[in-house]
């Protein structure tokens, strides 16, 4: 099973979004392999490719932590395994 995850963050732009999300990823030992963000008419969107291979935390724990960060920020955060994400877009 792939150890890569896709994290999608979406919501109204505000200061500190990237800092808060990446801090949580560091705390859960997720290596950031790629990150893209954009601002569309005040709406913040970020896509992040992370690797959880060396993390001592489970995918479920990481997903729950990031979902909690999203709630704190008032943003939507989705976390998927990359292989599931890829398969969804190949159908």
N, C-alpha and C. Protein backbone atom coordinates (compact mmCIF):
# COMPACT_ATOMS: atom_id res chain seq x y z
N UNK A 1 0.84 -1.18 0.00
CA UNK A 1 0.00 0.00 0.00
C UNK A 1 0.89 1.25 0.00
N UNK A 2 0.49 2.24 -0.76
CA UNK A 2 1.24 3.49 -0.87
C UNK A 2 1.30 4.20 0.48
N UNK A 3 2.42 4.81 0.74
CA UNK A 3 2.59 5.58 1.97
C UNK A 3 2.44 7.07 1.70
N UNK A 4 1.96 7.41 0.49
CA UNK A 4 1.74 8.81 0.17
C UNK A 4 0.29 9.18 0.43
N UNK A 5 0.10 10.43 0.88
CA UNK A 5 -1.25 10.93 1.13
C UNK A 5 -1.43 12.26 0.39
N UNK A 6 -2.67 12.54 0.04
CA UNK A 6 -3.05 13.82 -0.55
C UNK A 6 -3.87 14.56 0.49
N UNK A 7 -3.47 15.79 0.79
CA UNK A 7 -4.21 16.64 1.73
C UNK A 7 -4.73 17.82 0.94
N UNK A 8 -6.04 18.06 1.01
CA UNK A 8 -6.67 19.18 0.33
C UNK A 8 -7.27 20.09 1.39
N UNK A 9 -6.95 21.37 1.29
CA UNK A 9 -7.44 22.37 2.24
C UNK A 9 -8.21 23.42 1.45
N UNK A 10 -9.39 23.78 1.93
CA UNK A 10 -10.22 24.73 1.21
C UNK A 10 -11.03 25.58 2.19
N UNK A 11 -11.12 26.87 1.89
CA UNK A 11 -11.93 27.76 2.72
C UNK A 11 -11.59 29.21 2.50
N UNK A 12 -12.19 30.07 3.29
CA UNK A 12 -11.94 31.50 3.19
C UNK A 12 -10.52 31.79 3.65
N UNK A 13 -9.79 32.59 2.88
CA UNK A 13 -8.40 32.89 3.18
C UNK A 13 -8.26 33.64 4.50
N UNK A 14 -7.22 33.30 5.23
CA UNK A 14 -6.86 33.99 6.47
C UNK A 14 -5.40 33.72 6.77
N UNK A 15 -4.84 34.49 7.65
CA UNK A 15 -3.43 34.34 8.03
C UNK A 15 -3.23 33.04 8.81
N UNK A 16 -2.16 32.31 8.49
CA UNK A 16 -1.76 31.17 9.30
C UNK A 16 -2.22 29.80 8.85
N UNK A 17 -2.91 29.70 7.73
CA UNK A 17 -3.42 28.39 7.28
C UNK A 17 -2.27 27.43 7.02
N UNK A 18 -1.33 27.83 6.16
CA UNK A 18 -0.22 26.96 5.80
C UNK A 18 0.59 26.60 7.03
N UNK A 19 0.86 27.58 7.89
CA UNK A 19 1.64 27.34 9.11
C UNK A 19 0.96 26.31 10.00
N UNK A 20 -0.34 26.44 10.20
CA UNK A 20 -1.05 25.53 11.10
C UNK A 20 -1.10 24.11 10.54
N UNK A 21 -1.37 23.97 9.25
CA UNK A 21 -1.46 22.65 8.62
C UNK A 21 -0.09 21.98 8.59
N UNK A 22 0.94 22.71 8.20
CA UNK A 22 2.27 22.10 8.11
C UNK A 22 2.85 21.80 9.50
N UNK A 23 2.50 22.59 10.50
CA UNK A 23 2.93 22.29 11.87
C UNK A 23 2.33 20.96 12.33
N UNK A 24 1.04 20.77 12.05
CA UNK A 24 0.39 19.51 12.41
C UNK A 24 1.05 18.33 11.68
N UNK A 25 1.36 18.51 10.41
CA UNK A 25 2.01 17.44 9.65
C UNK A 25 3.37 17.11 10.26
N UNK A 26 4.12 18.12 10.65
CA UNK A 26 5.42 17.88 11.28
C UNK A 26 5.26 17.13 12.61
N UNK A 27 4.26 17.51 13.39
CA UNK A 27 4.03 16.84 14.68
C UNK A 27 3.69 15.36 14.48
N UNK A 28 3.06 15.03 13.36
CA UNK A 28 2.69 13.65 13.07
C UNK A 28 3.70 12.97 12.14
N UNK A 29 4.87 13.60 11.99
CA UNK A 29 6.01 13.02 11.27
C UNK A 29 5.69 12.71 9.81
N UNK A 30 4.92 13.60 9.18
CA UNK A 30 4.59 13.47 7.76
C UNK A 30 5.57 14.32 6.97
N UNK A 31 6.24 13.71 5.99
CA UNK A 31 7.16 14.45 5.14
C UNK A 31 6.39 15.08 3.99
N UNK A 32 6.54 16.38 3.81
CA UNK A 32 5.87 17.08 2.71
C UNK A 32 6.73 16.94 1.46
N UNK A 33 6.17 16.32 0.41
CA UNK A 33 6.92 16.08 -0.82
C UNK A 33 6.59 17.12 -1.89
N UNK A 34 5.39 17.68 -1.84
CA UNK A 34 5.00 18.70 -2.81
C UNK A 34 3.84 19.49 -2.21
N UNK A 35 3.78 20.76 -2.54
CA UNK A 35 2.70 21.60 -2.02
C UNK A 35 2.38 22.68 -3.06
N UNK A 36 1.10 22.88 -3.29
CA UNK A 36 0.63 23.92 -4.21
C UNK A 36 -0.53 24.62 -3.53
N UNK A 37 -0.57 25.92 -3.68
CA UNK A 37 -1.69 26.67 -3.12
C UNK A 37 -2.06 27.79 -4.06
N UNK A 38 -3.30 28.23 -3.97
CA UNK A 38 -3.75 29.34 -4.78
C UNK A 38 -4.85 30.07 -4.02
N UNK A 39 -5.10 31.26 -4.45
CA UNK A 39 -6.16 32.08 -3.89
C UNK A 39 -7.08 32.48 -5.04
N UNK A 40 -8.34 32.10 -4.95
CA UNK A 40 -9.30 32.42 -6.00
C UNK A 40 -10.42 33.26 -5.40
N UNK A 41 -10.40 34.55 -5.67
CA UNK A 41 -11.42 35.48 -5.19
C UNK A 41 -11.66 35.33 -3.69
N UNK A 42 -10.56 35.33 -2.93
CA UNK A 42 -10.64 35.25 -1.48
C UNK A 42 -10.81 33.84 -0.93
N UNK A 43 -10.86 32.85 -1.82
CA UNK A 43 -11.02 31.46 -1.40
C UNK A 43 -9.67 30.77 -1.51
N UNK A 44 -9.16 30.25 -0.39
CA UNK A 44 -7.87 29.58 -0.32
C UNK A 44 -8.02 28.11 -0.66
N UNK A 45 -7.13 27.60 -1.52
CA UNK A 45 -7.11 26.18 -1.85
C UNK A 45 -5.66 25.71 -1.84
N UNK A 46 -5.41 24.59 -1.15
CA UNK A 46 -4.06 24.03 -1.09
C UNK A 46 -4.13 22.53 -1.32
N UNK A 47 -3.20 22.04 -2.13
CA UNK A 47 -3.03 20.61 -2.35
C UNK A 47 -1.64 20.25 -1.87
N UNK A 48 -1.54 19.18 -1.11
CA UNK A 48 -0.27 18.80 -0.52
C UNK A 48 -0.08 17.29 -0.68
N UNK A 49 1.11 16.90 -1.11
CA UNK A 49 1.48 15.49 -1.20
C UNK A 49 2.42 15.20 -0.04
N UNK A 50 2.02 14.29 0.82
CA UNK A 50 2.82 13.94 1.97
C UNK A 50 3.19 12.46 1.96
N UNK A 51 4.22 12.13 2.72
CA UNK A 51 4.64 10.73 2.85
C UNK A 51 4.62 10.35 4.32
N UNK A 52 3.89 9.29 4.65
CA UNK A 52 3.74 8.86 6.05
C UNK A 52 4.57 7.61 6.36
N UNK A 53 5.46 7.24 5.46
CA UNK A 53 6.25 6.02 5.61
C UNK A 53 7.03 5.98 6.93
N UNK A 54 7.60 7.11 7.34
CA UNK A 54 8.44 7.12 8.54
C UNK A 54 7.69 7.60 9.78
N UNK A 55 6.39 7.84 9.64
CA UNK A 55 5.60 8.29 10.78
C UNK A 55 5.25 7.11 11.67
N UNK A 56 5.28 7.32 12.99
CA UNK A 56 4.86 6.27 13.92
C UNK A 56 3.35 6.30 14.13
N UNK A 57 2.68 7.26 13.47
CA UNK A 57 1.23 7.40 13.60
C UNK A 57 0.53 6.72 12.42
N UNK A 58 -0.68 6.24 12.67
CA UNK A 58 -1.45 5.58 11.62
C UNK A 58 -2.08 6.61 10.69
N UNK A 59 -2.47 6.17 9.51
CA UNK A 59 -3.18 7.03 8.57
C UNK A 59 -4.42 7.62 9.25
N UNK A 60 -5.14 6.80 9.98
CA UNK A 60 -6.36 7.25 10.66
C UNK A 60 -6.06 8.36 11.67
N UNK A 61 -4.99 8.20 12.45
CA UNK A 61 -4.63 9.24 13.43
C UNK A 61 -4.26 10.55 12.75
N UNK A 62 -3.53 10.46 11.66
CA UNK A 62 -3.12 11.66 10.91
C UNK A 62 -4.35 12.33 10.32
N UNK A 63 -5.23 11.54 9.73
CA UNK A 63 -6.44 12.09 9.12
C UNK A 63 -7.31 12.79 10.18
N UNK A 64 -7.48 12.16 11.33
CA UNK A 64 -8.28 12.76 12.40
C UNK A 64 -7.65 14.05 12.90
N UNK A 65 -6.33 14.09 13.03
CA UNK A 65 -5.64 15.29 13.49
C UNK A 65 -5.84 16.44 12.51
N UNK A 66 -5.72 16.16 11.23
CA UNK A 66 -5.88 17.21 10.22
C UNK A 66 -7.33 17.67 10.11
N UNK A 67 -8.26 16.76 10.26
CA UNK A 67 -9.67 17.13 10.26
C UNK A 67 -9.95 18.08 11.43
N UNK A 68 -9.34 17.81 12.57
CA UNK A 68 -9.47 18.67 13.75
C UNK A 68 -8.88 20.05 13.50
N UNK A 69 -7.73 20.10 12.83
CA UNK A 69 -7.12 21.39 12.46
C UNK A 69 -8.06 22.17 11.56
N UNK A 70 -8.68 21.47 10.62
CA UNK A 70 -9.64 22.12 9.73
C UNK A 70 -10.79 22.75 10.51
N UNK A 71 -11.30 22.04 11.49
CA UNK A 71 -12.39 22.56 12.32
C UNK A 71 -11.93 23.81 13.09
N UNK A 72 -10.71 23.77 13.63
CA UNK A 72 -10.16 24.93 14.35
C UNK A 72 -10.08 26.14 13.44
N UNK A 73 -9.67 25.92 12.19
CA UNK A 73 -9.48 27.01 11.24
C UNK A 73 -10.77 27.43 10.54
N UNK A 74 -11.83 26.62 10.69
CA UNK A 74 -13.06 26.88 9.95
C UNK A 74 -12.90 26.58 8.47
N UNK A 75 -12.07 25.57 8.17
CA UNK A 75 -11.77 25.19 6.78
C UNK A 75 -12.11 23.71 6.58
N UNK A 76 -12.27 23.34 5.33
CA UNK A 76 -12.44 21.93 4.99
C UNK A 76 -11.06 21.33 4.71
N UNK A 77 -10.76 20.22 5.37
CA UNK A 77 -9.51 19.50 5.09
C UNK A 77 -9.87 18.05 4.81
N UNK A 78 -9.45 17.57 3.63
CA UNK A 78 -9.66 16.18 3.25
C UNK A 78 -8.30 15.49 3.18
N UNK A 79 -8.25 14.27 3.65
CA UNK A 79 -7.01 13.48 3.61
C UNK A 79 -7.35 12.14 2.98
N UNK A 80 -6.60 11.79 1.93
CA UNK A 80 -6.81 10.51 1.23
C UNK A 80 -5.46 9.87 0.95
N UNK A 81 -5.48 8.57 0.90
CA UNK A 81 -4.28 7.87 0.41
C UNK A 81 -4.14 8.19 -1.07
N UNK A 82 -2.92 8.42 -1.52
CA UNK A 82 -2.69 8.81 -2.92
C UNK A 82 -3.21 7.76 -3.89
N UNK A 83 -3.04 6.50 -3.58
CA UNK A 83 -3.50 5.47 -4.51
C UNK A 83 -5.03 5.50 -4.68
N UNK A 84 -5.76 5.81 -3.62
CA UNK A 84 -7.22 5.93 -3.72
C UNK A 84 -7.56 7.16 -4.56
N UNK A 85 -6.87 8.26 -4.29
CA UNK A 85 -7.07 9.50 -5.05
C UNK A 85 -6.83 9.25 -6.53
N UNK A 86 -5.72 8.58 -6.86
CA UNK A 86 -5.38 8.29 -8.25
C UNK A 86 -6.45 7.42 -8.90
N UNK A 87 -6.91 6.39 -8.20
CA UNK A 87 -7.92 5.48 -8.76
C UNK A 87 -9.25 6.20 -8.99
N UNK A 88 -9.60 7.11 -8.10
CA UNK A 88 -10.85 7.87 -8.26
C UNK A 88 -10.81 8.71 -9.54
N UNK A 89 -9.64 9.18 -9.90
CA UNK A 89 -9.51 10.05 -11.07
C UNK A 89 -9.19 9.28 -12.34
N UNK A 90 -9.13 7.96 -12.25
CA UNK A 90 -8.91 7.13 -13.43
C UNK A 90 -10.18 6.45 -13.91
N UNK A 91 -11.26 6.63 -13.18
CA UNK A 91 -12.51 5.96 -13.54
C UNK A 91 -13.20 6.70 -14.67
